[in-house]
PDB file of N, CA and C in Angstrom:
ATOM      1  N   MET A   1      37.583 -33.704 -12.552  1.00  0.00           N
ATOM      2  CA  MET A   1      36.989 -32.364 -12.711  1.00  0.00           C
ATOM      3  C   MET A   1      35.400 -33.092 -13.656  1.00  0.00           C
ATOM      4  N   VAL A   2      34.642 -32.147 -13.919  1.00  0.00           N
ATOM      5  CA  VAL A   2      33.368 -33.054 -14.007  1.00  0.00           C
ATOM      6  C   VAL A   2      33.552 -31.931 -15.710  1.00  0.00           C
ATOM      7  N   ASP A   3      32.944 -32.761 -16.723  1.00  0.00           N
ATOM      8  CA  ASP A   3      32.650 -32.602 -17.912  1.00  0.00           C
ATOM      9  C   ASP A   3      31.515 -31.619 -18.339  1.00  0.00           C
ATOM     10  N   LEU A   4      31.270 -30.603 -19.165  1.00  0.00           N
ATOM     11  CA  LEU A   4      30.537 -29.868 -19.427  1.00  0.00           C
ATOM     12  C   LEU A   4      29.056 -30.131 -19.376  1.00  0.00           C
ATOM     13  N   ASP A   5      29.126 -31.285 -20.035  1.00  0.00           N
ATOM     14  CA  ASP A   5      27.536 -31.900 -20.279  1.00  0.00           C
ATOM     15  C   ASP A   5      27.108 -31.799 -19.116  1.00  0.00           C
ATOM     16  N   THR A   6      27.961 -32.917 -18.130  1.00  0.00           N
ATOM     17  CA  THR A   6      28.048 -32.965 -16.575  1.00  0.00           C
ATOM     18  C   THR A   6      27.411 -31.615 -15.910  1.00  0.00           C
ATOM     19  N   ALA A   7      27.971 -30.819 -15.976  1.00  0.00           N
ATOM     20  CA  ALA A   7      28.034 -29.846 -15.303  1.00  0.00           C
ATOM     21  C   ALA A   7      26.448 -28.896 -15.807  1.00  0.00           C
ATOM     22  N   ASP A   8      26.147 -29.099 -16.986  1.00  0.00           N
ATOM     23  CA  ASP A   8      24.875 -28.613 -17.852  1.00  0.00           C
ATOM     24  C   ASP A   8      23.564 -29.107 -17.440  1.00  0.00           C
ATOM     25  N   ARG A   9      23.959 -30.566 -17.287  1.00  0.00           N
ATOM     26  CA  ARG A   9      22.569 -31.154 -16.563  1.00  0.00           C
ATOM     27  C   ARG A   9      22.419 -31.029 -14.994  1.00  0.00           C
ATOM     28  N   ALA A  10      23.670 -31.049 -14.207  1.00  0.00           N
ATOM     29  CA  ALA A  10      23.421 -30.141 -12.968  1.00  0.00           C
ATOM     30  C   ALA A  10      22.612 -29.016 -12.902  1.00  0.00           C
ATOM     31  N   ALA A  11      23.174 -28.051 -13.533  1.00  0.00           N
ATOM     32  CA  ALA A  11      22.950 -27.167 -13.234  1.00  0.00           C
ATOM     33  C   ALA A  11      21.061 -26.761 -13.598  1.00  0.00           C
ATOM     34  N   SER A  12      20.946 -27.426 -14.951  1.00  0.00           N
ATOM     35  CA  SER A  12      19.448 -27.549 -14.667  1.00  0.00           C
ATOM     36  C   SER A  12      18.508 -27.633 -13.945  1.00  0.00           C
ATOM     37  N   VAL A  13      19.078 -29.099 -13.571  1.00  0.00           N
ATOM     38  CA  VAL A  13      18.355 -29.784 -12.194  1.00  0.00           C
ATOM     39  C   VAL A  13      18.240 -29.078 -10.737  1.00  0.00           C
ATOM     40  N   VAL A  14      19.129 -28.225 -10.495  1.00  0.00           N
ATOM     41  CA  VAL A  14      19.516 -27.608  -9.661  1.00  0.00           C
ATOM     42  C   VAL A  14      18.609 -25.977  -9.853  1.00  0.00           C
ATOM     43  N   GLY A  15      18.266 -25.679 -11.163  1.00  0.00           N
ATOM     44  CA  GLY A  15      17.463 -24.452 -11.381  1.00  0.00           C
ATOM     45  C   GLY A  15      16.152 -24.782 -11.655  1.00  0.00           C
ATOM     46  N   ALA A  16      16.110 -25.946 -11.452  1.00  0.00           N
ATOM     47  CA  ALA A  16      14.486 -26.403 -11.696  1.00  0.00           C
ATOM     48  C   ALA A  16      13.829 -26.673 -10.368  1.00  0.00           C
ATOM     49  N   ALA A  17      15.029 -26.983  -9.555  1.00  0.00           N
ATOM     50  CA  ALA A  17      14.481 -26.927  -8.116  1.00  0.00           C
ATOM     51  C   ALA A  17      14.413 -25.729  -7.105  1.00  0.00           C
ATOM     52  N   LEU A  18      15.052 -24.603  -7.664  1.00  0.00           N
ATOM     53  CA  LEU A  18      14.884 -23.457  -6.995  1.00  0.00           C
ATOM     54  C   LEU A  18      13.779 -22.842  -8.435  1.00  0.00           C
ATOM     55  N   GLY A  19      13.410 -23.025  -8.936  1.00  0.00           N
ATOM     56  CA  GLY A  19      11.862 -22.586  -9.516  1.00  0.00           C
ATOM     57  C   GLY A  19      10.749 -23.031  -8.738  1.00  0.00           C
ATOM     58  N   VAL A  20      10.848 -24.139  -8.371  1.00  0.00           N
ATOM     59  CA  VAL A  20       9.515 -25.121  -7.507  1.00  0.00           C
ATOM     60  C   VAL A  20       9.852 -24.425  -6.347  1.00  0.00           C
ATOM     61  N   VAL A  21      10.367 -23.905  -5.493  1.00  0.00           N
ATOM     62  CA  VAL A  21      10.767 -23.681  -4.340  1.00  0.00           C
ATOM     63  C   VAL A  21      10.296 -22.452  -4.111  1.00  0.00           C
ATOM     64  N   GLY A  22      10.694 -21.373  -5.252  1.00  0.00           N
ATOM     65  CA  GLY A  22       9.917 -20.108  -5.537  1.00  0.00           C
ATOM     66  C   GLY A  22       8.105 -20.202  -5.727  1.00  0.00           C
ATOM     67  N   LEU A  23       7.945 -20.870  -6.380  1.00  0.00           N
ATOM     68  CA  LEU A  23       6.427 -21.222  -6.954  1.00  0.00           C
ATOM     69  C   LEU A  23       5.857 -21.787  -5.445  1.00  0.00           C
ATOM     70  N   LEU A  24       6.722 -22.403  -4.467  1.00  0.00           N
ATOM     71  CA  LEU A  24       6.081 -22.910  -3.675  1.00  0.00           C
ATOM     72  C   LEU A  24       5.906 -21.912  -2.388  1.00  0.00           C
ATOM     73  N   VAL A  25       6.665 -20.620  -2.197  1.00  0.00           N
ATOM     74  CA  VAL A  25       6.623 -19.530  -1.552  1.00  0.00           C
ATOM     75  C   VAL A  25       5.913 -18.657  -2.141  1.00  0.00           C
ATOM     76  N   SER A  26       5.406 -18.580  -3.162  1.00  0.00           N
ATOM     77  CA  SER A  26       4.629 -17.503  -3.696  1.00  0.00           C
ATOM     78  C   SER A  26       3.108 -18.019  -3.472  1.00  0.00           C
ATOM     79  N   VAL A  27       3.155 -19.019  -3.455  1.00  0.00           N
ATOM     80  CA  VAL A  27       1.901 -20.195  -3.436  1.00  0.00           C
ATOM     81  C   VAL A  27       1.153 -19.784  -1.826  1.00  0.00           C
ATOM     82  N   TYR A  28       2.232 -19.925  -0.604  1.00  0.00           N
ATOM     83  CA  TYR A  28       2.282 -19.274   0.325  1.00  0.00           C
ATOM     84  C   TYR A  28       1.905 -18.267   0.988  1.00  0.00           C
ATOM     85  N   ALA A  29       2.654 -17.227  -0.051  1.00  0.00           N
ATOM     86  CA  ALA A  29       2.146 -15.816   0.309  1.00  0.00           C
ATOM     87  C   ALA A  29       0.961 -15.684  -0.094  1.00  0.00           C
ATOM     88  N   LEU A  30       0.253 -15.701  -1.082  1.00  0.00           N
ATOM     89  CA  LEU A  30      -1.346 -15.824  -1.811  1.00  0.00           C
ATOM     90  C   LEU A  30      -2.183 -16.460  -0.657  1.00  0.00           C
ATOM     91  N   PHE A  31      -1.943 -17.238   0.276  1.00  0.00           N
ATOM     92  CA  PHE A  31      -2.884 -18.051   0.855  1.00  0.00           C
ATOM     93  C   PHE A  31      -2.550 -17.798   2.537  1.00  0.00           C
ATOM     94  N   ARG A  32      -1.836 -17.086   2.610  1.00  0.00           N
ATOM     95  CA  ARG A  32      -1.380 -17.111   4.088  1.00  0.00           C
ATOM     96  C   ARG A  32      -2.545 -16.834   4.556  1.00  0.00           C
ATOM     97  N   PRO A  33      -2.165 -16.683   6.454  1.00  0.00           N
ATOM     98  CA  PRO A  33      -3.451 -15.900   7.154  1.00  0.00           C
ATOM     99  C   PRO A  33      -3.108 -14.514   7.282  1.00  0.00           C
ATOM    100  N   SER A  34      -4.125 -13.843   7.884  1.00  0.00           N
ATOM    101  CA  SER A  34      -3.768 -12.410   7.925  1.00  0.00           C
ATOM    102  C   SER A  34      -2.900 -11.719   8.275  1.00  0.00           C
ATOM    103  N   PRO A  35      -2.643 -10.562   8.428  1.00  0.00           N
ATOM    104  CA  PRO A  35      -1.234 -10.300   9.040  1.00  0.00           C
ATOM    105  C   PRO A  35      -1.710 -10.224  10.396  1.00  0.00           C
ATOM    106  N   SER A  36      -0.939  -9.486  11.687  1.00  0.00           N
ATOM    107  CA  SER A  36      -1.596  -9.287  12.458  1.00  0.00           C
ATOM    108  C   SER A  36      -2.276  -7.949  12.661  1.00  0.00           C
ATOM    109  N   PRO A  37      -2.882  -8.351  14.342  1.00  0.00           N
ATOM    110  CA  PRO A  37      -4.114  -7.238  13.879  1.00  0.00           C
ATOM    111  C   PRO A  37      -3.740  -5.869  14.164  1.00  0.00           C
ATOM    112  N   SER A  38      -4.626  -4.923  14.394  1.00  0.00           N
ATOM    113  CA  SER A  38      -4.410  -3.566  14.540  1.00  0.00           C
ATOM    114  C   SER A  38      -3.924  -2.799  15.353  1.00  0.00           C
ATOM    115  N   PRO A  39      -3.141  -1.527  15.698  1.00  0.00           N
ATOM    116  CA  PRO A  39      -2.863  -1.316  16.757  1.00  0.00           C
ATOM    117  C   PRO A  39      -3.635  -1.250  18.205  1.00  0.00           C
ATOM    118  N   SER A  40      -4.861  -0.887  17.371  1.00  0.00           N
ATOM    119  CA  SER A  40      -5.517  -0.413  17.969  1.00  0.00           C
ATOM    120  C   SER A  40      -6.283  -1.477  19.402  1.00  0.00           C
ATOM    121  N   GLY A  41      -6.075  -2.976  18.969  1.00  0.00           N
ATOM    122  CA  GLY A  41      -6.077  -3.756  19.706  1.00  0.00           C
ATOM    123  C   GLY A  41      -7.718  -4.267  20.013  1.00  0.00           C
ATOM    124  N   THR A  42      -8.371  -3.839  19.029  1.00  0.00           N
ATOM    125  CA  THR A  42      -9.494  -4.498  18.461  1.00  0.00           C
ATOM    126  C   THR A  42      -9.611  -5.677  17.860  1.00  0.00           C
ATOM    127  N   GLY A  43      -8.613  -6.952  17.333  1.00  0.00           N
ATOM    128  CA  GLY A  43      -8.121  -7.647  17.001  1.00  0.00           C
ATOM    129  C   GLY A  43      -8.624  -7.887  15.522  1.00  0.00           C
ATOM    130  N   THR A  44      -9.523  -6.875  14.647  1.00  0.00           N
ATOM    131  CA  THR A  44      -9.237  -6.679  13.623  1.00  0.00           C
ATOM    132  C   THR A  44      -8.577  -6.035  12.695  1.00  0.00           C
ATOM    133  N   THR A  45      -8.150  -6.605  11.557  1.00  0.00           N
ATOM    134  CA  THR A  45      -7.463  -5.825  10.587  1.00  0.00           C
ATOM    135  C   THR A  45      -8.041  -5.131   9.537  1.00  0.00           C
ATOM    136  N   ARG A  46      -7.527  -3.560   9.258  1.00  0.00           N
ATOM    137  CA  ARG A  46      -7.776  -2.848   7.884  1.00  0.00           C
ATOM    138  C   ARG A  46      -7.463  -3.424   6.513  1.00  0.00           C
ATOM    139  N   ARG A  47      -8.338  -2.921   5.465  1.00  0.00           N
ATOM    140  CA  ARG A  47      -7.913  -2.991   4.374  1.00  0.00           C
ATOM    141  C   ARG A  47      -7.896  -1.860   3.703  1.00  0.00           C
ATOM    142  N   VAL A  48      -7.252  -1.507   2.960  1.00  0.00           N
ATOM    143  CA  VAL A  48      -7.273  -0.538   2.104  1.00  0.00           C
ATOM    144  C   VAL A  48      -7.087  -0.809   1.130  1.00  0.00           C
ATOM    145  N   ARG A  49      -8.347  -0.174   0.161  1.00  0.00           N
ATOM    146  CA  ARG A  49      -8.227  -0.290  -1.370  1.00  0.00           C
ATOM    147  C   ARG A  49      -8.786   0.673  -1.818  1.00  0.00           C
ATOM    148  N   SER A  50      -8.134   1.001  -3.172  1.00  0.00           N
ATOM    149  CA  SER A  50      -8.722   1.909  -4.113  1.00  0.00           C
ATOM    150  C   SER A  50      -8.630   1.165  -5.615  1.00  0.00           C
ATOM    151  N   ARG A  51      -9.329   1.591  -6.334  1.00  0.00           N
ATOM    152  CA  ARG A  51      -9.699   1.177  -7.586  1.00  0.00           C
ATOM    153  C   ARG A  51     -10.171   2.403  -8.559  1.00  0.00           C
ATOM    154  N   GLY A  52      -9.691   2.598  -9.642  1.00  0.00           N
ATOM    155  CA  GLY A  52     -10.232   3.542 -10.460  1.00  0.00           C
ATOM    156  C   GLY A  52      -9.366   4.699 -11.134  1.00  0.00           C
ATOM    157  N   ARG A  53      -9.584   5.285 -11.823  1.00  0.00           N
ATOM    158  CA  ARG A  53      -8.373   6.569 -12.298  1.00  0.00           C
ATOM    159  C   ARG A  53      -8.053   7.390 -11.386  1.00  0.00           C
ATOM    160  N   ARG A  54      -7.037   7.323 -10.582  1.00  0.00           N
ATOM    161  CA  ARG A  54      -6.462   8.434  -9.852  1.00  0.00           C
ATOM    162  C   ARG A  54      -7.227   8.687  -8.705  1.00  0.00           C
ATOM    163  N   ALA A  55      -7.805   7.565  -8.317  1.00  0.00           N
ATOM    164  CA  ALA A  55      -7.993   6.511  -6.722  1.00  0.00           C
ATOM    165  C   ALA A  55      -7.277   6.742  -5.745  1.00  0.00           C
ATOM    166  N   MET A  56      -7.519   7.325  -4.663  1.00  0.00           N
ATOM    167  CA  MET A  56      -6.514   7.380  -3.450  1.00  0.00           C
ATOM    168  C   MET A  56      -7.407   6.528  -2.272  1.00  0.00           C
ATOM    169  N   ALA A  57      -6.498   5.974  -1.456  1.00  0.00           N
ATOM    170  CA  ALA A  57      -7.291   5.192  -0.140  1.00  0.00           C
ATOM    171  C   ALA A  57      -5.902   5.401   0.687  1.00  0.00           C
ATOM    172  N   ALA A  58      -6.645   6.038   2.440  1.00  0.00           N
ATOM    173  CA  ALA A  58      -5.275   5.727   2.715  1.00  0.00           C
ATOM    174  C   ALA A  58      -5.883   5.375   4.457  1.00  0.00           C
ATOM    175  N   GLY A  59      -5.290   4.336   5.174  1.00  0.00           N
ATOM    176  CA  GLY A  59      -5.133   3.717   6.517  1.00  0.00           C
ATOM    177  C   GLY A  59      -5.302   4.773   7.586  1.00  0.00           C
ATOM    178  N   GLY A  60      -4.773   6.114   7.565  1.00  0.00           N
ATOM    179  CA  GLY A  60      -4.625   7.471   8.177  1.00  0.00           C
ATOM    180  C   GLY A  60      -5.259   8.304   7.694  1.00  0.00           C
ATOM    181  N   ASN A  61      -4.458   9.594   7.761  1.00  0.00           N
ATOM    182  CA  ASN A  61      -4.792  10.562   7.429  1.00  0.00           C
ATOM    183  C   ASN A  61      -3.925  11.214   6.080  1.00  0.00           C
ATOM    184  N   ILE A  62      -4.544  12.173   5.653  1.00  0.00           N
ATOM    185  CA  ILE A  62      -4.108  12.652   4.080  1.00  0.00           C
ATOM    186  C   ILE A  62      -4.402  14.231   4.745  1.00  0.00           C
ATOM    187  N   ASN A  63      -3.186  15.145   4.828  1.00  0.00           N
ATOM    188  CA  ASN A  63      -3.073  16.167   4.854  1.00  0.00           C
ATOM    189  C   ASN A  63      -1.803  16.641   3.955  1.00  0.00           C
ATOM    190  N   GLY A  64      -1.920  18.025   3.675  1.00  0.00           N
ATOM    191  CA  GLY A  64      -0.649  18.449   3.148  1.00  0.00           C
ATOM    192  C   GLY A  64      -0.415  18.144   1.638  1.00  0.00           C
ATOM    193  N   ASN A  65      -0.864  17.194   0.647  1.00  0.00           N
ATOM    194  CA  ASN A  65      -0.389  16.652  -0.546  1.00  0.00           C
ATOM    195  C   ASN A  65      -0.943  17.742  -1.619  1.00  0.00           C
ATOM    196  N   ALA A  66      -0.105  17.443  -2.638  1.00  0.00           N
ATOM    197  CA  ALA A  66      -0.370  17.909  -3.729  1.00  0.00           C
ATOM    198  C   ALA A  66      -0.196  16.773  -5.334  1.00  0.00           C
ATOM    199  N   PHE A  67      -1.488  16.761  -5.654  1.00  0.00           N
ATOM    200  CA  PHE A  67      -1.853  15.701  -6.508  1.00  0.00           C
ATOM    201  C   PHE A  67      -2.351  16.724  -7.815  1.00  0.00           C
ATOM    202  N   GLY A  68      -1.942  16.483  -8.827  1.00  0.00           N
ATOM    203  CA  GLY A  68      -2.093  17.279 -10.507  1.00  0.00           C
ATOM    204  C   GLY A  68      -1.377  18.054 -11.258  1.00  0.00           C
ATOM    205  N   THR A  69      -1.480  18.184 -12.040  1.00  0.00           N
ATOM    206  CA  THR A  69      -0.199  19.368 -12.975  1.00  0.00           C
ATOM    207  C   THR A  69      -0.336  20.489 -12.223  1.00  0.00           C
ATOM    208  N   ARG A  70       0.904  21.102 -11.590  1.00  0.00           N
ATOM    209  CA  ARG A  70       1.143  22.441 -11.181  1.00  0.00           C
ATOM    210  C   ARG A  70       0.044  22.858  -9.899  1.00  0.00           C
ATOM    211  N   ALA A  71      -0.185  21.658  -8.992  1.00  0.00           N
ATOM    212  CA  ALA A  71      -0.859  21.919  -7.625  1.00  0.00           C
ATOM    213  C   ALA A  71       0.055  21.895  -6.977  1.00  0.00           C
ATOM    214  N   THR A  72      -0.492  23.195  -6.388  1.00  0.00           N
ATOM    215  CA  THR A  72       0.554  23.656  -5.048  1.00  0.00           C
ATOM    216  C   THR A  72       0.271  23.288  -3.065  1.00  0.00           C
ATOM    217  N   VAL A  73       0.880  23.243  -2.386  1.00  0.00           N
ATOM    218  CA  VAL A  73       0.206  23.319  -1.265  1.00  0.00           C
ATOM    219  C   VAL A  73       0.851  24.215   0.016  1.00  0.00           C
ATOM    220  N   ARG A  74       0.711  25.616   0.167  1.00  0.00           N
ATOM    221  CA  ARG A  74       1.207  26.420   1.134  1.00  0.00           C
ATOM    222  C   ARG A  74       1.766  25.957   2.360  1.00  0.00           C
ATOM    223  N   PRO A  75       2.850  26.220   2.528  1.00  0.00           N
ATOM    224  CA  PRO A  75       3.163  25.752   4.041  1.00  0.00           C
ATOM    225  C   PRO A  75       2.138  26.522   5.309  1.00  0.00           C
ATOM    226  N   SER A  76       1.583  25.783   6.132  1.00  0.00           N
ATOM    227  CA  SER A  76       0.590  26.007   7.099  1.00  0.00           C
ATOM    228  C   SER A  76       1.583  26.515   8.596  1.00  0.00           C
ATOM    229  N   ALA A  77       0.872  27.110   9.462  1.00  0.00           N
ATOM    230  CA  ALA A  77       1.483  27.966  10.693  1.00  0.00           C
ATOM    231  C   ALA A  77       1.553  26.769  11.402  1.00  0.00           C
ATOM    232  N   PRO A  78       2.668  26.381  12.090  1.00  0.00           N
ATOM    233  CA  PRO A  78       2.522  24.910  13.150  1.00  0.00           C
ATOM    234  C   PRO A  78       1.337  24.726  14.006  1.00  0.00           C
ATOM    235  N   THR A  79       0.803  23.779  14.041  1.00  0.00           N
ATOM    236  CA  THR A  79       0.127  23.423  14.957  1.00  0.00           C
ATOM    237  C   THR A  79       0.549  22.620  16.471  1.00  0.00           C
ATOM    238  N   ALA A  80      -0.558  22.799  17.124  1.00  0.00           N
ATOM    239  CA  ALA A  80      -0.067  22.614  18.536  1.00  0.00           C
ATOM    240  C   ALA A  80       0.314  20.900  18.425  1.00  0.00           C
ATOM    241  N   ALA A  81      -0.084  20.199  17.886  1.00  0.00           N
ATOM    242  CA  ALA A  81      -0.089  18.443  18.028  1.00  0.00           C
ATOM    243  C   ALA A  81      -1.033  18.194  16.453  1.00  0.00           C
ATOM    244  N   PRO A  82      -0.315  17.187  15.217  1.00  0.00           N
ATOM    245  CA  PRO A  82      -1.039  16.865  14.409  1.00  0.00           C
ATOM    246  C   PRO A  82      -2.171  15.532  15.021  1.00  0.00           C
ATOM    247  N   THR A  83      -3.338  15.867  13.896  1.00  0.00           N
ATOM    248  CA  THR A  83      -4.338  14.874  14.405  1.00  0.00           C
ATOM    249  C   THR A  83      -3.286  13.302  14.153  1.00  0.00           C
ATOM    250  N   PRO A  84      -3.704  12.375  15.167  1.00  0.00           N
ATOM    251  CA  PRO A  84      -3.567  10.953  14.940  1.00  0.00           C
ATOM    252  C   PRO A  84      -3.785  10.182  14.132  1.00  0.00           C
ATOM    253  N   PRO A  85      -3.620   9.426  13.221  1.00  0.00           N
ATOM    254  CA  PRO A  85      -4.382   8.538  12.517  1.00  0.00           C
ATOM    255  C   PRO A  85      -5.479   7.897  13.363  1.00  0.00           C
ATOM    256  N   ALA A  86      -6.687   7.380  12.754  1.00  0.00           N
ATOM    257  CA  ALA A  86      -7.833   6.707  13.337  1.00  0.00           C
ATOM    258  C   ALA A  86      -7.729   5.305  13.310  1.00  0.00           C
ATOM    259  N   ASP A  87      -6.426   4.938  14.447  1.00  0.00           N
ATOM    260  CA  ASP A  87      -6.375   3.447  14.582  1.00  0.00           C
ATOM    261  C   ASP A  87      -7.440   2.518  15.266  1.00  0.00           C
ATOM    262  N   ASP A  88      -8.702   3.370  16.213  1.00  0.00           N
ATOM    263  CA  ASP A  88      -9.427   2.779  16.828  1.00  0.00           C
ATOM    264  C   ASP A  88     -11.006   2.644  15.887  1.00  0.00           C
ATOM    265  N   VAL A  89     -10.649   3.381  14.629  1.00  0.00           N
ATOM    266  CA  VAL A  89     -11.922   3.551  13.773  1.00  0.00           C
ATOM    267  C   VAL A  89     -11.729   2.003  13.084  1.00  0.00           C
ATOM    268  N   GLU A  90     -13.026   1.253  13.217  1.00  0.00           N
ATOM    269  CA  GLU A  90     -13.104  -0.275  12.904  1.00  0.00           C
ATOM    270  C   GLU A  90     -13.377  -0.315  10.840  1.00  0.00           C
ATOM    271  N   GLY A  91     -13.101  -1.352  10.666  1.00  0.00           N
ATOM    272  CA  GLY A  91     -13.479  -1.053   9.207  1.00  0.00           C
ATOM    273  C   GLY A  91     -12.705  -1.288   8.208  1.00  0.00           C
ATOM    274  N   ASP A  92     -13.056  -1.329   6.603  1.00  0.00           N
ATOM    275  CA  ASP A  92     -12.018  -1.387   5.416  1.00  0.00           C
ATOM    276  C   ASP A  92     -12.404   0.249   4.827  1.00  0.00           C
ATOM    277  N   VAL A  93     -11.182   0.712   4.621  1.00  0.00           N
ATOM    278  CA  VAL A  93     -11.244   2.014   3.516  1.00  0.00           C
ATOM    279  C   VAL A  93     -11.293   1.518   2.656  1.00  0.00           C
ATOM    280  N   GLN A  94     -12.176   2.254   1.601  1.00  0.00           N
ATOM    281  CA  GLN A  94     -12.324   1.626  -0.094  1.00  0.00           C
ATOM    282  C   GLN A  94     -12.728   3.205  -0.823  1.00  0.00           C
ATOM    283  N   ALA A  95     -11.644   3.207  -2.050  1.00  0.00           N
ATOM    284  CA  ALA A  95     -12.230   4.271  -2.564  1.00  0.00           C
ATOM    285  C   ALA A  95     -11.949   3.825  -4.070  1.00  0.00           C
ATOM    286  N   PHE A  96     -13.527   3.472  -4.552  1.00  0.00           N
ATOM    287  CA  PHE A  96     -13.235   2.903  -6.019  1.00  0.00           C
ATOM    288  C   PHE A  96     -14.665   3.982  -6.877  1.00  0.00           C
ATOM    289  N   GLY A  97     -13.785   4.471  -8.397  1.00  0.00           N
ATOM    290  CA  GLY A  97     -14.233   4.753  -8.997  1.00  0.00           C
ATOM    291  C   GLY A  97     -13.110   6.268  -9.441  1.00  0.00           C
ATOM    292  N   ARG A  98     -13.515   6.820 -10.418  1.00  0.00           N
ATOM    293  CA  ARG A  98     -12.408   7.891 -11.344  1.00  0.00           C
ATOM    294  C   ARG A  98     -12.727   9.019 -10.088  1.00  0.00           C
ATOM    295  N   ASP A  99     -11.429   9.513  -9.402  1.00  0.00           N
ATOM    296  CA  ASP A  99     -11.260  10.419  -8.455  1.00  0.00           C
ATOM    297  C   ASP A  99     -11.815  10.395  -7.348  1.00  0.00           C
ATOM    298  N   ALA A 100     -11.955   9.010  -7.167  1.00  0.00           N
ATOM    299  CA  ALA A 100     -11.976   8.684  -5.649  1.00  0.00           C
ATOM    300  C   ALA A 100     -11.176   8.818  -4.510  1.00  0.00           C
ATOM    301  N   LEU A 101     -11.508   9.224  -2.777  1.00  0.00           N
ATOM    302  CA  LEU A 101     -10.871   9.279  -2.154  1.00  0.00           C
ATOM    303  C   LEU A 101     -11.613   8.676  -1.171  1.00  0.00           C
ATOM    304  N   GLY A 102     -10.657   8.115   0.186  1.00  0.00           N
ATOM    305  CA  GLY A 102     -10.780   7.597   1.396  1.00  0.00           C
ATOM    306  C   GLY A 102     -10.464   7.501   2.159  1.00  0.00           C
ATOM    307  N   ALA A 103     -10.128   7.937   3.343  1.00  0.00           N
ATOM    308  CA  ALA A 103      -9.356   8.170   4.829  1.00  0.00           C
ATOM    309  C   ALA A 103      -9.522   7.529   5.974  1.00  0.00           C
ATOM    310  N   ALA A 104      -9.013   6.368   6.516  1.00  0.00           N
ATOM    311  CA  ALA A 104      -9.634   6.355   7.970  1.00  0.00           C
ATOM    312  C   ALA A 104      -9.466   7.345   8.843  1.00  0.00           C
ATOM    313  N   GLY A 105      -8.737   8.472   8.813  1.00  0.00           N
ATOM    314  CA  GLY A 105      -8.274   9.712   9.463  1.00  0.00           C
ATOM    315  C   GLY A 105      -9.086  10.907   8.385  1.00  0.00           C
ATOM    316  N   GLY A 106      -8.188  12.129   8.952  1.00  0.00           N
ATOM    317  CA  GLY A 106      -8.856  13.548   8.175  1.00  0.00           C
ATOM    318  C   GLY A 106      -8.110  13.448   7.159  1.00  0.00           C
ATOM    319  N   ILE A 107      -8.743  14.738   6.419  1.00  0.00           N
ATOM    320  CA  ILE A 107      -8.631  15.006   5.480  1.00  0.00           C
ATOM    321  C   ILE A 107      -8.303  16.532   5.240  1.00  0.00           C
ATOM    322  N   SER A 108      -7.071  17.148   4.935  1.00  0.00           N
ATOM    323  CA  SER A 108      -7.414  18.845   5.030  1.00  0.00           C
ATOM    324  C   SER A 108      -5.992  19.384   4.486  1.00  0.00           C
ATOM    325  N   ARG A 109      -5.838  20.352   3.919  1.00  0.00           N
ATOM    326  CA  ARG A 109      -4.925  20.680   3.486  1.00  0.00           C
ATOM    327  C   ARG A 109      -4.750  20.185   2.349  1.00  0.00           C
ATOM    328  N   ASN A 110      -4.965  20.040   1.207  1.00  0.00           N
ATOM    329  CA  ASN A 110      -5.043  18.773   0.063  1.00  0.00           C
ATOM    330  C   ASN A 110      -4.899  19.837  -1.532  1.00  0.00           C
ATOM    331  N   ALA A 111      -4.391  19.682  -2.436  1.00  0.00           N
ATOM    332  CA  ALA A 111      -4.697  20.297  -3.893  1.00  0.00           C
ATOM    333  C   ALA A 111      -4.897  19.100  -4.801  1.00  0.00           C
ATOM    334  N   PHE A 112      -6.236  18.706  -4.638  1.00  0.00           N
ATOM    335  CA  PHE A 112      -6.021  17.544  -5.991  1.00  0.00           C
ATOM    336  C   PHE A 112      -6.053  17.703  -6.936  1.00  0.00           C
ATOM    337  N   VAL A 113      -7.050  18.740  -7.673  1.00  0.00           N
ATOM    338  CA  VAL A 113      -6.891  18.796  -9.330  1.00  0.00           C
ATOM    339  C   VAL A 113      -5.352  19.387  -9.787  1.00  0.00           C
ATOM    340  N   ASP A 114      -5.601  19.393 -11.113  1.00  0.00           N
ATOM    341  CA  ASP A 114      -4.799  20.521 -12.031  1.00  0.00           C
ATOM    342  C   ASP A 114      -4.642  22.032 -11.202  1.00  0.00           C
ATOM    343  N   ASN A 115      -4.056  22.709 -11.378  1.00  0.00           N
ATOM    344  CA  ASN A 115      -3.743  24.224 -11.386  1.00  0.00           C
ATOM    345  C   ASN A 115      -4.398  24.633  -9.683  1.00  0.00           C
ATOM    346  N   SER A 116      -4.691  23.523  -8.908  1.00  0.00           N
ATOM    347  CA  SER A 116      -5.442  24.079  -7.563  1.00  0.00           C
ATOM    348  C   SER A 116      -4.206  24.441  -6.359  1.00  0.00           C
ATOM    349  N   ARG A 117      -4.315  24.875  -5.472  1.00  0.00           N
ATOM    350  CA  ARG A 117      -3.955  25.553  -4.222  1.00  0.00           C
ATOM    351  C   ARG A 117      -4.697  25.048  -3.274  1.00  0.00           C
ATOM    352  N   ALA A 118      -3.753  24.663  -2.173  1.00  0.00           N
ATOM    353  CA  ALA A 118      -4.028  24.507  -0.692  1.00  0.00           C
ATOM    354  C   ALA A 118      -3.315  25.364   0.289  1.00  0.00           C
TER     355      ALA A 118
END
């Protein structure tokens, strides 16, 4: 058997080593190469960013959502086919500023403010 003092030292060394490994994995994740290309096959990757109070951004469609206090969206009649996301559109999607909205696809049937209906 090992005494408690030796076990304490061993646990400290193992914990420190695992902490260093975690730090290295985090640094690698920050600086790793960009993710794989978009499904459109164009070889580009779309970045979707929003910044600001109640700002929203989507890499595809924004349809049938309710945002805000007592905002509601009524069910709609079924359509032939939903609009597919805009994978063939190149470029980033950005929504910066208060209540900003950005989408790479369609924006329809949404209630965006308090007490609104769509």
